[in-house]
Amino acid sequence: VRAQGRFWQARWFIVVRAFSVFIGIWY
């Protein structure tokens, strides 16, 4: 459970998620 929490809160994952949202809106 802690590992999953760290995964979802990892900085690299947040960055990837933000760019994915941006590219989706752009599309």
mmCIF file of all heavy atoms, coordinates in Angstrom:
data_MODEL
# 
_entry.id   MODEL 
# 
loop_
_atom_site.group_PDB 
_atom_site.id 
_atom_site.type_symbol 
_atom_site.label_atom_id 
_atom_site.label_alt_id 
_atom_site.label_comp_id 
_atom_site.label_asym_id 
_atom_site.label_entity_id 
_atom_site.label_seq_id 
_atom_site.pdbx_PDB_ins_code 
_atom_site.Cartn_x 
_atom_site.Cartn_y 
_atom_site.Cartn_z 
_atom_site.occupancy 
_atom_site.B_iso_or_equiv 
_atom_site.pdbx_formal_charge 
_atom_site.auth_seq_id 
_atom_site.auth_comp_id 
_atom_site.auth_asym_id 
_atom_site.auth_atom_id 
_atom_site.pdbx_PDB_model_num 
ATOM 1   N N   . VAL A 1 1  ? 0.834  -1.201 0.000   1.00 0.00 ? 1  VAL A N   1 
ATOM 2   C CA  . VAL A 1 1  ? 0.000  0.000  0.000   1.00 0.00 ? 1  VAL A CA  1 
ATOM 3   C C   . VAL A 1 1  ? 0.866  1.246  0.000   1.00 0.00 ? 1  VAL A C   1 
ATOM 4   O O   . VAL A 1 1  ? 0.624  2.202  -0.737  1.00 0.00 ? 1  VAL A O   1 
ATOM 5   C CB  . VAL A 1 1  ? -0.943 -0.005 1.227   1.00 0.00 ? 1  VAL A CB  1 
ATOM 6   C CG1 . VAL A 1 1  ? -1.697 1.314  1.319   1.00 0.00 ? 1  VAL A CG1 1 
ATOM 7   C CG2 . VAL A 1 1  ? -1.921 -1.177 1.136   1.00 0.00 ? 1  VAL A CG2 1 
ATOM 8   N N   . ARG A 1 2  ? 1.911  1.249  0.836   1.00 0.00 ? 2  ARG A N   1 
ATOM 9   C CA  . ARG A 1 2  ? 2.815  2.402  0.862   1.00 0.00 ? 2  ARG A CA  1 
ATOM 10  C C   . ARG A 1 2  ? 3.532  2.561  -0.468  1.00 0.00 ? 2  ARG A C   1 
ATOM 11  O O   . ARG A 1 2  ? 3.753  3.673  -0.944  1.00 0.00 ? 2  ARG A O   1 
ATOM 12  C CB  . ARG A 1 2  ? 3.829  2.253  2.002   1.00 0.00 ? 2  ARG A CB  1 
ATOM 13  C CG  . ARG A 1 2  ? 3.235  2.485  3.389   1.00 0.00 ? 2  ARG A CG  1 
ATOM 14  C CD  . ARG A 1 2  ? 4.345  2.702  4.408   1.00 0.00 ? 2  ARG A CD  1 
ATOM 15  N NE  . ARG A 1 2  ? 5.192  1.520  4.521   1.00 0.00 ? 2  ARG A NE  1 
ATOM 16  C CZ  . ARG A 1 2  ? 4.987  0.556  5.393   1.00 0.00 ? 2  ARG A CZ  1 
ATOM 17  N NH1 . ARG A 1 2  ? 3.952  0.605  6.227   1.00 0.00 ? 2  ARG A NH1 1 
ATOM 18  N NH2 . ARG A 1 2  ? 5.812  -0.498 5.454   1.00 0.00 ? 2  ARG A NH2 1 
ATOM 19  N N   . ALA A 1 3  ? 3.898  1.452  -1.095  1.00 0.00 ? 3  ALA A N   1 
ATOM 20  C CA  . ALA A 1 3  ? 4.575  1.521  -2.393  1.00 0.00 ? 3  ALA A CA  1 
ATOM 21  C C   . ALA A 1 3  ? 3.667  2.126  -3.452  1.00 0.00 ? 3  ALA A C   1 
ATOM 22  O O   . ALA A 1 3  ? 4.091  2.947  -4.267  1.00 0.00 ? 3  ALA A O   1 
ATOM 23  C CB  . ALA A 1 3  ? 5.036  0.124  -2.819  1.00 0.00 ? 3  ALA A CB  1 
ATOM 24  N N   . GLN A 1 4  ? 2.375  1.717  -3.427  1.00 0.00 ? 4  GLN A N   1 
ATOM 25  C CA  . GLN A 1 4  ? 1.428  2.287  -4.376  1.00 0.00 ? 4  GLN A CA  1 
ATOM 26  C C   . GLN A 1 4  ? 1.251  3.779  -4.138  1.00 0.00 ? 4  GLN A C   1 
ATOM 27  O O   . GLN A 1 4  ? 1.161  4.566  -5.079  1.00 0.00 ? 4  GLN A O   1 
ATOM 28  C CB  . GLN A 1 4  ? 0.091  1.559  -4.274  1.00 0.00 ? 4  GLN A CB  1 
ATOM 29  C CG  . GLN A 1 4  ? 0.123  0.119  -4.793  1.00 0.00 ? 4  GLN A CG  1 
ATOM 30  C CD  . GLN A 1 4  ? -1.223 -0.564 -4.621  1.00 0.00 ? 4  GLN A CD  1 
ATOM 31  O OE1 . GLN A 1 4  ? -2.196 0.062  -4.206  1.00 0.00 ? 4  GLN A OE1 1 
ATOM 32  N NE2 . GLN A 1 4  ? -1.264 -1.854 -4.936  1.00 0.00 ? 4  GLN A NE2 1 
ATOM 33  N N   . GLY A 1 5  ? 1.205  4.180  -2.860  1.00 0.00 ? 5  GLY A N   1 
ATOM 34  C CA  . GLY A 1 5  ? 1.071  5.603  -2.545  1.00 0.00 ? 5  GLY A CA  1 
ATOM 35  C C   . GLY A 1 5  ? 2.266  6.398  -3.032  1.00 0.00 ? 5  GLY A C   1 
ATOM 36  O O   . GLY A 1 5  ? 2.114  7.491  -3.585  1.00 0.00 ? 5  GLY A O   1 
ATOM 37  N N   . ARG A 1 6  ? 3.454  5.836  -2.833  1.00 0.00 ? 6  ARG A N   1 
ATOM 38  C CA  . ARG A 1 6  ? 4.650  6.529  -3.321  1.00 0.00 ? 6  ARG A CA  1 
ATOM 39  C C   . ARG A 1 6  ? 4.645  6.631  -4.839  1.00 0.00 ? 6  ARG A C   1 
ATOM 40  O O   . ARG A 1 6  ? 5.100  7.612  -5.406  1.00 0.00 ? 6  ARG A O   1 
ATOM 41  C CB  . ARG A 1 6  ? 5.910  5.798  -2.831  1.00 0.00 ? 6  ARG A CB  1 
ATOM 42  C CG  . ARG A 1 6  ? 6.196  5.979  -1.345  1.00 0.00 ? 6  ARG A CG  1 
ATOM 43  C CD  . ARG A 1 6  ? 7.616  5.553  -1.018  1.00 0.00 ? 6  ARG A CD  1 
ATOM 44  N NE  . ARG A 1 6  ? 7.816  4.139  -1.296  1.00 0.00 ? 6  ARG A NE  1 
ATOM 45  C CZ  . ARG A 1 6  ? 7.658  3.182  -0.388  1.00 0.00 ? 6  ARG A CZ  1 
ATOM 46  N NH1 . ARG A 1 6  ? 7.254  3.491  0.846   1.00 0.00 ? 6  ARG A NH1 1 
ATOM 47  N NH2 . ARG A 1 6  ? 7.875  1.916  -0.700  1.00 0.00 ? 6  ARG A NH2 1 
ATOM 48  N N   . PHE A 1 7  ? 4.133  5.605  -5.519  1.00 0.00 ? 7  PHE A N   1 
ATOM 49  C CA  . PHE A 1 7  ? 4.089  5.628  -6.986  1.00 0.00 ? 7  PHE A CA  1 
ATOM 50  C C   . PHE A 1 7  ? 3.193  6.752  -7.490  1.00 0.00 ? 7  PHE A C   1 
ATOM 51  O O   . PHE A 1 7  ? 3.565  7.519  -8.374  1.00 0.00 ? 7  PHE A O   1 
ATOM 52  C CB  . PHE A 1 7  ? 3.595  4.272  -7.506  1.00 0.00 ? 7  PHE A CB  1 
ATOM 53  C CG  . PHE A 1 7  ? 3.415  4.236  -9.002  1.00 0.00 ? 7  PHE A CG  1 
ATOM 54  C CD1 . PHE A 1 7  ? 4.502  4.043  -9.837  1.00 0.00 ? 7  PHE A CD1 1 
ATOM 55  C CD2 . PHE A 1 7  ? 2.156  4.419  -9.568  1.00 0.00 ? 7  PHE A CD2 1 
ATOM 56  C CE1 . PHE A 1 7  ? 4.336  4.019  -11.222 1.00 0.00 ? 7  PHE A CE1 1 
ATOM 57  C CE2 . PHE A 1 7  ? 1.986  4.395  -10.940 1.00 0.00 ? 7  PHE A CE2 1 
ATOM 58  C CZ  . PHE A 1 7  ? 3.077  4.190  -11.764 1.00 0.00 ? 7  PHE A CZ  1 
ATOM 59  N N   . TRP A 1 8  ? 1.982  6.838  -6.906  1.00 0.00 ? 8  TRP A N   1 
ATOM 60  C CA  . TRP A 1 8  ? 1.045  7.853  -7.372  1.00 0.00 ? 8  TRP A CA  1 
ATOM 61  C C   . TRP A 1 8  ? 1.499  9.265  -7.011  1.00 0.00 ? 8  TRP A C   1 
ATOM 62  O O   . TRP A 1 8  ? 1.110  10.228 -7.665  1.00 0.00 ? 8  TRP A O   1 
ATOM 63  C CB  . TRP A 1 8  ? -0.342 7.592  -6.786  1.00 0.00 ? 8  TRP A CB  1 
ATOM 64  C CG  . TRP A 1 8  ? -1.014 6.386  -7.364  1.00 0.00 ? 8  TRP A CG  1 
ATOM 65  C CD1 . TRP A 1 8  ? -1.147 5.172  -6.781  1.00 0.00 ? 8  TRP A CD1 1 
ATOM 66  C CD2 . TRP A 1 8  ? -1.610 6.274  -8.658  1.00 0.00 ? 8  TRP A CD2 1 
ATOM 67  N NE1 . TRP A 1 8  ? -1.797 4.298  -7.618  1.00 0.00 ? 8  TRP A NE1 1 
ATOM 68  C CE2 . TRP A 1 8  ? -2.104 4.953  -8.783  1.00 0.00 ? 8  TRP A CE2 1 
ATOM 69  C CE3 . TRP A 1 8  ? -1.791 7.158  -9.718  1.00 0.00 ? 8  TRP A CE3 1 
ATOM 70  C CZ2 . TRP A 1 8  ? -2.747 4.491  -9.924  1.00 0.00 ? 8  TRP A CZ2 1 
ATOM 71  C CZ3 . TRP A 1 8  ? -2.439 6.709  -10.855 1.00 0.00 ? 8  TRP A CZ3 1 
ATOM 72  C CH2 . TRP A 1 8  ? -2.913 5.397  -10.956 1.00 0.00 ? 8  TRP A CH2 1 
ATOM 73  N N   . GLN A 1 9  ? 2.302  9.402  -5.975  1.00 0.00 ? 9  GLN A N   1 
ATOM 74  C CA  . GLN A 1 9  ? 2.765  10.723 -5.555  1.00 0.00 ? 9  GLN A CA  1 
ATOM 75  C C   . GLN A 1 9  ? 4.171  11.043 -6.037  1.00 0.00 ? 9  GLN A C   1 
ATOM 76  O O   . GLN A 1 9  ? 4.696  12.104 -5.714  1.00 0.00 ? 9  GLN A O   1 
ATOM 77  C CB  . GLN A 1 9  ? 2.720  10.810 -4.024  1.00 0.00 ? 9  GLN A CB  1 
ATOM 78  C CG  . GLN A 1 9  ? 1.317  10.705 -3.447  1.00 0.00 ? 9  GLN A CG  1 
ATOM 79  C CD  . GLN A 1 9  ? 1.303  10.696 -1.938  1.00 0.00 ? 9  GLN A CD  1 
ATOM 80  O OE1 . GLN A 1 9  ? 2.345  10.846 -1.309  1.00 0.00 ? 9  GLN A OE1 1 
ATOM 81  N NE2 . GLN A 1 9  ? 0.132  10.503 -1.348  1.00 0.00 ? 9  GLN A NE2 1 
ATOM 82  N N   . ALA A 1 10 ? 4.772  10.141 -6.808  1.00 0.00 ? 10 ALA A N   1 
ATOM 83  C CA  . ALA A 1 10 ? 6.116  10.387 -7.325  1.00 0.00 ? 10 ALA A CA  1 
ATOM 84  C C   . ALA A 1 10 ? 6.113  11.597 -8.250  1.00 0.00 ? 10 ALA A C   1 
ATOM 85  O O   . ALA A 1 10 ? 5.182  11.802 -9.030  1.00 0.00 ? 10 ALA A O   1 
ATOM 86  C CB  . ALA A 1 10 ? 6.630  9.156  -8.066  1.00 0.00 ? 10 ALA A CB  1 
ATOM 87  N N   . ARG A 1 11 ? 7.182  12.378 -8.152  1.00 0.00 ? 11 ARG A N   1 
ATOM 88  C CA  . ARG A 1 11 ? 7.228  13.615 -8.934  1.00 0.00 ? 11 ARG A CA  1 
ATOM 89  C C   . ARG A 1 11 ? 7.206  13.332 -10.441 1.00 0.00 ? 11 ARG A C   1 
ATOM 90  O O   . ARG A 1 11 ? 6.528  14.024 -11.191 1.00 0.00 ? 11 ARG A O   1 
ATOM 91  C CB  . ARG A 1 11 ? 8.491  14.407 -8.571  1.00 0.00 ? 11 ARG A CB  1 
ATOM 92  C CG  . ARG A 1 11 ? 8.630  15.704 -9.375  1.00 0.00 ? 11 ARG A CG  1 
ATOM 93  C CD  . ARG A 1 11 ? 9.759  16.568 -8.885  1.00 0.00 ? 11 ARG A CD  1 
ATOM 94  N NE  . ARG A 1 11 ? 9.898  17.750 -9.707  1.00 0.00 ? 11 ARG A NE  1 
ATOM 95  C CZ  . ARG A 1 11 ? 9.142  18.829 -9.615  1.00 0.00 ? 11 ARG A CZ  1 
ATOM 96  N NH1 . ARG A 1 11 ? 8.182  18.868 -8.712  1.00 0.00 ? 11 ARG A NH1 1 
ATOM 97  N NH2 . ARG A 1 11 ? 9.324  19.871 -10.398 1.00 0.00 ? 11 ARG A NH2 1 
ATOM 98  N N   . TRP A 1 12 ? 7.935  12.295 -10.863 1.00 0.00 ? 12 TRP A N   1 
ATOM 99  C CA  . TRP A 1 12 ? 7.986  11.999 -12.288 1.00 0.00 ? 12 TRP A CA  1 
ATOM 100 C C   . TRP A 1 12 ? 6.617  11.607 -12.813 1.00 0.00 ? 12 TRP A C   1 
ATOM 101 O O   . TRP A 1 12 ? 6.250  11.967 -13.948 1.00 0.00 ? 12 TRP A O   1 
ATOM 102 C CB  . TRP A 1 12 ? 8.995  10.882 -12.570 1.00 0.00 ? 12 TRP A CB  1 
ATOM 103 C CG  . TRP A 1 12 ? 8.581  9.529  -12.060 1.00 0.00 ? 12 TRP A CG  1 
ATOM 104 C CD1 . TRP A 1 12 ? 8.901  8.967  -10.863 1.00 0.00 ? 12 TRP A CD1 1 
ATOM 105 C CD2 . TRP A 1 12 ? 7.770  8.569  -12.748 1.00 0.00 ? 12 TRP A CD2 1 
ATOM 106 N NE1 . TRP A 1 12 ? 8.342  7.721  -10.740 1.00 0.00 ? 12 TRP A NE1 1 
ATOM 107 C CE2 . TRP A 1 12 ? 7.640  7.443  -11.887 1.00 0.00 ? 12 TRP A CE2 1 
ATOM 108 C CE3 . TRP A 1 12 ? 7.153  8.548  -13.986 1.00 0.00 ? 12 TRP A CE3 1 
ATOM 109 C CZ2 . TRP A 1 12 ? 6.906  6.324  -12.236 1.00 0.00 ? 12 TRP A CZ2 1 
ATOM 110 C CZ3 . TRP A 1 12 ? 6.419  7.425  -14.343 1.00 0.00 ? 12 TRP A CZ3 1 
ATOM 111 C CH2 . TRP A 1 12 ? 6.300  6.324  -13.482 1.00 0.00 ? 12 TRP A CH2 1 
ATOM 112 N N   . PHE A 1 13 ? 5.823  10.902 -11.978 1.00 0.00 ? 13 PHE A N   1 
ATOM 113 C CA  . PHE A 1 13 ? 4.492  10.502 -12.416 1.00 0.00 ? 13 PHE A CA  1 
ATOM 114 C C   . PHE A 1 13 ? 3.569  11.712 -12.512 1.00 0.00 ? 13 PHE A C   1 
ATOM 115 O O   . PHE A 1 13 ? 2.735  11.800 -13.427 1.00 0.00 ? 13 PHE A O   1 
ATOM 116 C CB  . PHE A 1 13 ? 3.911  9.471  -11.444 1.00 0.00 ? 13 PHE A CB  1 
ATOM 117 C CG  . PHE A 1 13 ? 2.563  8.954  -11.856 1.00 0.00 ? 13 PHE A CG  1 
ATOM 118 C CD1 . PHE A 1 13 ? 2.443  7.991  -12.849 1.00 0.00 ? 13 PHE A CD1 1 
ATOM 119 C CD2 . PHE A 1 13 ? 1.413  9.442  -11.256 1.00 0.00 ? 13 PHE A CD2 1 
ATOM 120 C CE1 . PHE A 1 13 ? 1.201  7.526  -13.241 1.00 0.00 ? 13 PHE A CE1 1 
ATOM 121 C CE2 . PHE A 1 13 ? 0.162  8.975  -11.641 1.00 0.00 ? 13 PHE A CE2 1 
ATOM 122 C CZ  . PHE A 1 13 ? 0.055  8.014  -12.635 1.00 0.00 ? 13 PHE A CZ  1 
ATOM 123 N N   . ILE A 1 14 ? 3.708  12.649 -11.583 1.00 0.00 ? 14 ILE A N   1 
ATOM 124 C CA  . ILE A 1 14 ? 2.904  13.872 -11.626 1.00 0.00 ? 14 ILE A CA  1 
ATOM 125 C C   . ILE A 1 14 ? 3.233  14.677 -12.879 1.00 0.00 ? 14 ILE A C   1 
ATOM 126 O O   . ILE A 1 14 ? 2.342  15.218 -13.544 1.00 0.00 ? 14 ILE A O   1 
ATOM 127 C CB  . ILE A 1 14 ? 3.148  14.711 -10.355 1.00 0.00 ? 14 ILE A CB  1 
ATOM 128 C CG1 . ILE A 1 14 ? 2.636  13.954 -9.126  1.00 0.00 ? 14 ILE A CG1 1 
ATOM 129 C CG2 . ILE A 1 14 ? 2.457  16.063 -10.455 1.00 0.00 ? 14 ILE A CG2 1 
ATOM 130 C CD1 . ILE A 1 14 ? 2.959  14.631 -7.811  1.00 0.00 ? 14 ILE A CD1 1 
ATOM 131 N N   . VAL A 1 15 ? 4.528  14.751 -13.216 1.00 0.00 ? 15 VAL A N   1 
ATOM 132 C CA  . VAL A 1 15 ? 4.935  15.482 -14.419 1.00 0.00 ? 15 VAL A CA  1 
ATOM 133 C C   . VAL A 1 15 ? 4.369  14.819 -15.671 1.00 0.00 ? 15 VAL A C   1 
ATOM 134 O O   . VAL A 1 15 ? 3.830  15.491 -16.569 1.00 0.00 ? 15 VAL A O   1 
ATOM 135 C CB  . VAL A 1 15 ? 6.477  15.570 -14.492 1.00 0.00 ? 15 VAL A CB  1 
ATOM 136 C CG1 . VAL A 1 15 ? 6.912  16.140 -15.837 1.00 0.00 ? 15 VAL A CG1 1 
ATOM 137 C CG2 . VAL A 1 15 ? 7.015  16.428 -13.355 1.00 0.00 ? 15 VAL A CG2 1 
ATOM 138 N N   . VAL A 1 16 ? 4.494  13.500 -15.754 1.00 0.00 ? 16 VAL A N   1 
ATOM 139 C CA  . VAL A 1 16 ? 3.961  12.774 -16.910 1.00 0.00 ? 16 VAL A CA  1 
ATOM 140 C C   . VAL A 1 16 ? 2.456  12.976 -17.024 1.00 0.00 ? 16 VAL A C   1 
ATOM 141 O O   . VAL A 1 16 ? 1.917  13.188 -18.124 1.00 0.00 ? 16 VAL A O   1 
ATOM 142 C CB  . VAL A 1 16 ? 4.299  11.271 -16.804 1.00 0.00 ? 16 VAL A CB  1 
ATOM 143 C CG1 . VAL A 1 16 ? 3.557  10.475 -17.862 1.00 0.00 ? 16 VAL A CG1 1 
ATOM 144 C CG2 . VAL A 1 16 ? 5.804  11.072 -16.952 1.00 0.00 ? 16 VAL A CG2 1 
ATOM 145 N N   . ARG A 1 17 ? 1.768  12.918 -15.907 1.00 0.00 ? 17 ARG A N   1 
ATOM 146 C CA  . ARG A 1 17 ? 0.319  13.110 -15.910 1.00 0.00 ? 17 ARG A CA  1 
ATOM 147 C C   . ARG A 1 17 ? -0.055 14.515 -16.372 1.00 0.00 ? 17 ARG A C   1 
ATOM 148 O O   . ARG A 1 17 ? -1.008 14.694 -17.161 1.00 0.00 ? 17 ARG A O   1 
ATOM 149 C CB  . ARG A 1 17 ? -0.235 12.843 -14.508 1.00 0.00 ? 17 ARG A CB  1 
ATOM 150 C CG  . ARG A 1 17 ? -1.754 12.848 -14.403 1.00 0.00 ? 17 ARG A CG  1 
ATOM 151 C CD  . ARG A 1 17 ? -2.176 12.391 -13.030 1.00 0.00 ? 17 ARG A CD  1 
ATOM 152 N NE  . ARG A 1 17 ? -1.571 13.219 -11.985 1.00 0.00 ? 17 ARG A NE  1 
ATOM 153 C CZ  . ARG A 1 17 ? -1.666 12.941 -10.694 1.00 0.00 ? 17 ARG A CZ  1 
ATOM 154 N NH1 . ARG A 1 17 ? -2.294 11.850 -10.292 1.00 0.00 ? 17 ARG A NH1 1 
ATOM 155 N NH2 . ARG A 1 17 ? -1.106 13.739 -9.805  1.00 0.00 ? 17 ARG A NH2 1 
ATOM 156 N N   . ALA A 1 18 ? 0.692  15.518 -15.920 1.00 0.00 ? 18 ALA A N   1 
ATOM 157 C CA  . ALA A 1 18 ? 0.410  16.896 -16.326 1.00 0.00 ? 18 ALA A CA  1 
ATOM 158 C C   . ALA A 1 18 ? 0.613  17.080 -17.829 1.00 0.00 ? 18 ALA A C   1 
ATOM 159 O O   . ALA A 1 18 ? -0.224 17.698 -18.518 1.00 0.00 ? 18 ALA A O   1 
ATOM 160 C CB  . ALA A 1 18 ? 1.304  17.866 -15.550 1.00 0.00 ? 18 ALA A CB  1 
ATOM 161 N N   . PHE A 1 19 ? 1.723  16.536 -18.356 1.00 0.00 ? 19 PHE A N   1 
ATOM 162 C CA  . PHE A 1 19 ? 1.964  16.648 -19.789 1.00 0.00 ? 19 PHE A CA  1 
ATOM 163 C C   . PHE A 1 19 ? 0.929  15.873 -20.591 1.00 0.00 ? 19 PHE A C   1 
ATOM 164 O O   . PHE A 1 19 ? 0.542  16.298 -21.691 1.00 0.00 ? 19 PHE A O   1 
ATOM 165 C CB  . PHE A 1 19 ? 3.375  16.158 -20.118 1.00 0.00 ? 19 PHE A CB  1 
ATOM 166 C CG  . PHE A 1 19 ? 4.448  17.171 -19.872 1.00 0.00 ? 19 PHE A CG  1 
ATOM 167 C CD1 . PHE A 1 19 ? 5.440  16.948 -18.932 1.00 0.00 ? 19 PHE A CD1 1 
ATOM 168 C CD2 . PHE A 1 19 ? 4.470  18.370 -20.564 1.00 0.00 ? 19 PHE A CD2 1 
ATOM 169 C CE1 . PHE A 1 19 ? 6.425  17.886 -18.690 1.00 0.00 ? 19 PHE A CE1 1 
ATOM 170 C CE2 . PHE A 1 19 ? 5.446  19.314 -20.329 1.00 0.00 ? 19 PHE A CE2 1 
ATOM 171 C CZ  . PHE A 1 19 ? 6.435  19.082 -19.390 1.00 0.00 ? 19 PHE A CZ  1 
ATOM 172 N N   . SER A 1 20 ? 0.464  14.755 -20.073 1.00 0.00 ? 20 SER A N   1 
ATOM 173 C CA  . SER A 1 20 ? -0.555 13.971 -20.775 1.00 0.00 ? 20 SER A CA  1 
ATOM 174 C C   . SER A 1 20 ? -1.856 14.750 -20.887 1.00 0.00 ? 20 SER A C   1 
ATOM 175 O O   . SER A 1 20 ? -2.503 14.757 -21.939 1.00 0.00 ? 20 SER A O   1 
ATOM 176 C CB  . SER A 1 20 ? -0.792 12.645 -20.049 1.00 0.00 ? 20 SER A CB  1 
ATOM 177 O OG  . SER A 1 20 ? 0.389  11.877 -19.994 1.00 0.00 ? 20 SER A OG  1 
ATOM 178 N N   . VAL A 1 21 ? -2.235 15.422 -19.798 1.00 0.00 ? 21 VAL A N   1 
ATOM 179 C CA  . VAL A 1 21 ? -3.447 16.248 -19.825 1.00 0.00 ? 21 VAL A CA  1 
ATOM 180 C C   . VAL A 1 21 ? -3.293 17.388 -20.823 1.00 0.00 ? 21 VAL A C   1 
ATOM 181 O O   . VAL A 1 21 ? -4.203 17.694 -21.609 1.00 0.00 ? 21 VAL A O   1 
ATOM 182 C CB  . VAL A 1 21 ? -3.758 16.786 -18.419 1.00 0.00 ? 21 VAL A CB  1 
ATOM 183 C CG1 . VAL A 1 21 ? -4.895 17.804 -18.467 1.00 0.00 ? 21 VAL A CG1 1 
ATOM 184 C CG2 . VAL A 1 21 ? -4.108 15.641 -17.484 1.00 0.00 ? 21 VAL A CG2 1 
ATOM 185 N N   . PHE A 1 22 ? -2.113 18.029 -20.807 1.00 0.00 ? 22 PHE A N   1 
ATOM 186 C CA  . PHE A 1 22 ? -1.861 19.140 -21.724 1.00 0.00 ? 22 PHE A CA  1 
ATOM 187 C C   . PHE A 1 22 ? -1.954 18.689 -23.182 1.00 0.00 ? 22 PHE A C   1 
ATOM 188 O O   . PHE A 1 22 ? -2.602 19.337 -24.010 1.00 0.00 ? 22 PHE A O   1 
ATOM 189 C CB  . PHE A 1 22 ? -0.482 19.734 -21.444 1.00 0.00 ? 22 PHE A CB  1 
ATOM 190 C CG  . PHE A 1 22 ? -0.048 20.772 -22.440 1.00 0.00 ? 22 PHE A CG  1 
ATOM 191 C CD1 . PHE A 1 22 ? -0.580 22.047 -22.412 1.00 0.00 ? 22 PHE A CD1 1 
ATOM 192 C CD2 . PHE A 1 22 ? 0.898  20.469 -23.418 1.00 0.00 ? 22 PHE A CD2 1 
ATOM 193 C CE1 . PHE A 1 22 ? -0.185 23.007 -23.333 1.00 0.00 ? 22 PHE A CE1 1 
ATOM 194 C CE2 . PHE A 1 22 ? 1.293  21.415 -24.344 1.00 0.00 ? 22 PHE A CE2 1 
ATOM 195 C CZ  . PHE A 1 22 ? 0.746  22.686 -24.299 1.00 0.00 ? 22 PHE A CZ  1 
ATOM 196 N N   . ILE A 1 23 ? -1.314 17.565 -23.505 1.00 0.00 ? 23 ILE A N   1 
ATOM 197 C CA  . ILE A 1 23 ? -1.330 17.062 -24.885 1.00 0.00 ? 23 ILE A CA  1 
ATOM 198 C C   . ILE A 1 23 ? -2.740 16.635 -25.281 1.00 0.00 ? 23 ILE A C   1 
ATOM 199 O O   . ILE A 1 23 ? -3.178 16.841 -26.423 1.00 0.00 ? 23 ILE A O   1 
ATOM 200 C CB  . ILE A 1 23 ? -0.335 15.892 -25.030 1.00 0.00 ? 23 ILE A CB  1 
ATOM 201 C CG1 . ILE A 1 23 ? 1.093  16.408 -24.869 1.00 0.00 ? 23 ILE A CG1 1 
ATOM 202 C CG2 . ILE A 1 23 ? -0.492 15.205 -26.392 1.00 0.00 ? 23 ILE A CG2 1 
ATOM 203 C CD1 . ILE A 1 23 ? 2.147  15.332 -24.846 1.00 0.00 ? 23 ILE A CD1 1 
ATOM 204 N N   . GLY A 1 24 ? -3.489 16.054 -24.332 1.00 0.00 ? 24 GLY A N   1 
ATOM 205 C CA  . GLY A 1 24 ? -4.863 15.673 -24.631 1.00 0.00 ? 24 GLY A CA  1 
ATOM 206 C C   . GLY A 1 24 ? -5.734 16.873 -24.963 1.00 0.00 ? 24 GLY A C   1 
ATOM 207 O O   . GLY A 1 24 ? -6.525 16.840 -25.921 1.00 0.00 ? 24 GLY A O   1 
ATOM 208 N N   . ILE A 1 25 ? -5.596 17.941 -24.178 1.00 0.00 ? 25 ILE A N   1 
ATOM 209 C CA  . ILE A 1 25 ? -6.357 19.167 -24.462 1.00 0.00 ? 25 ILE A CA  1 
ATOM 210 C C   . ILE A 1 25 ? -5.940 19.741 -25.811 1.00 0.00 ? 25 ILE A C   1 
ATOM 211 O O   . ILE A 1 25 ? -6.784 20.199 -26.605 1.00 0.00 ? 25 ILE A O   1 
ATOM 212 C CB  . ILE A 1 25 ? -6.147 20.193 -23.330 1.00 0.00 ? 25 ILE A CB  1 
ATOM 213 C CG1 . ILE A 1 25 ? -6.750 19.665 -22.022 1.00 0.00 ? 25 ILE A CG1 1 
ATOM 214 C CG2 . ILE A 1 25 ? -6.751 21.539 -23.696 1.00 0.00 ? 25 ILE A CG2 1 
ATOM 215 C CD1 . ILE A 1 25 ? -6.456 20.530 -20.822 1.00 0.00 ? 25 ILE A CD1 1 
ATOM 216 N N   . TRP A 1 26 ? -4.650 19.740 -26.081 1.00 0.00 ? 26 TRP A N   1 
ATOM 217 C CA  . TRP A 1 26 ? -4.139 20.223 -27.364 1.00 0.00 ? 26 TRP A CA  1 
ATOM 218 C C   . TRP A 1 26 ? -4.759 19.433 -28.524 1.00 0.00 ? 26 TRP A C   1 
ATOM 219 O O   . TRP A 1 26 ? -5.190 20.017 -29.525 1.00 0.00 ? 26 TRP A O   1 
ATOM 220 C CB  . TRP A 1 26 ? -2.616 20.099 -27.355 1.00 0.00 ? 26 TRP A CB  1 
ATOM 221 C CG  . TRP A 1 26 ? -1.924 20.516 -28.619 1.00 0.00 ? 26 TRP A CG  1 
ATOM 222 C CD1 . TRP A 1 26 ? -2.485 21.053 -29.749 1.00 0.00 ? 26 TRP A CD1 1 
ATOM 223 C CD2 . TRP A 1 26 ? -0.524 20.425 -28.882 1.00 0.00 ? 26 TRP A CD2 1 
ATOM 224 N NE1 . TRP A 1 26 ? -1.528 21.299 -30.694 1.00 0.00 ? 26 TRP A NE1 1 
ATOM 225 C CE2 . TRP A 1 26 ? -0.314 20.927 -30.186 1.00 0.00 ? 26 TRP A CE2 1 
ATOM 226 C CE3 . TRP A 1 26 ? 0.567  19.975 -28.129 1.00 0.00 ? 26 TRP A CE3 1 
ATOM 227 C CZ2 . TRP A 1 26 ? 0.962  20.971 -30.761 1.00 0.00 ? 26 TRP A CZ2 1 
ATOM 228 C CZ3 . TRP A 1 26 ? 1.826  20.027 -28.696 1.00 0.00 ? 26 TRP A CZ3 1 
ATOM 229 C CH2 . TRP A 1 26 ? 2.014  20.509 -29.991 1.00 0.00 ? 26 TRP A CH2 1 
ATOM 230 N N   . TYR A 1 27 ? -4.804 18.121 -28.389 1.00 0.00 ? 27 TYR A N   1 
ATOM 231 C CA  . TYR A 1 27 ? -5.373 17.272 -29.449 1.00 0.00 ? 27 TYR A CA  1 
ATOM 232 C C   . TYR A 1 27 ? -6.853 17.582 -29.670 1.00 0.00 ? 27 TYR A C   1 
ATOM 233 O O   . TYR A 1 27 ? -7.314 17.678 -30.822 1.00 0.00 ? 27 TYR A O   1 
ATOM 234 C CB  . TYR A 1 27 ? -5.178 15.804 -29.088 1.00 0.00 ? 27 TYR A CB  1 
ATOM 235 C CG  . TYR A 1 27 ? -5.740 14.845 -30.105 1.00 0.00 ? 27 TYR A CG  1 
ATOM 236 C CD1 . TYR A 1 27 ? -5.107 14.649 -31.329 1.00 0.00 ? 27 TYR A CD1 1 
ATOM 237 C CD2 . TYR A 1 27 ? -6.911 14.135 -29.843 1.00 0.00 ? 27 TYR A CD2 1 
ATOM 238 C CE1 . TYR A 1 27 ? -5.622 13.775 -32.275 1.00 0.00 ? 27 TYR A CE1 1 
ATOM 239 C CE2 . TYR A 1 27 ? -7.437 13.261 -30.774 1.00 0.00 ? 27 TYR A CE2 1 
ATOM 240 C CZ  . TYR A 1 27 ? -6.785 13.086 -31.989 1.00 0.00 ? 27 TYR A CZ  1 
ATOM 241 O OH  . TYR A 1 27 ? -7.307 12.222 -32.916 1.00 0.00 ? 27 TYR A OH  1 
# 
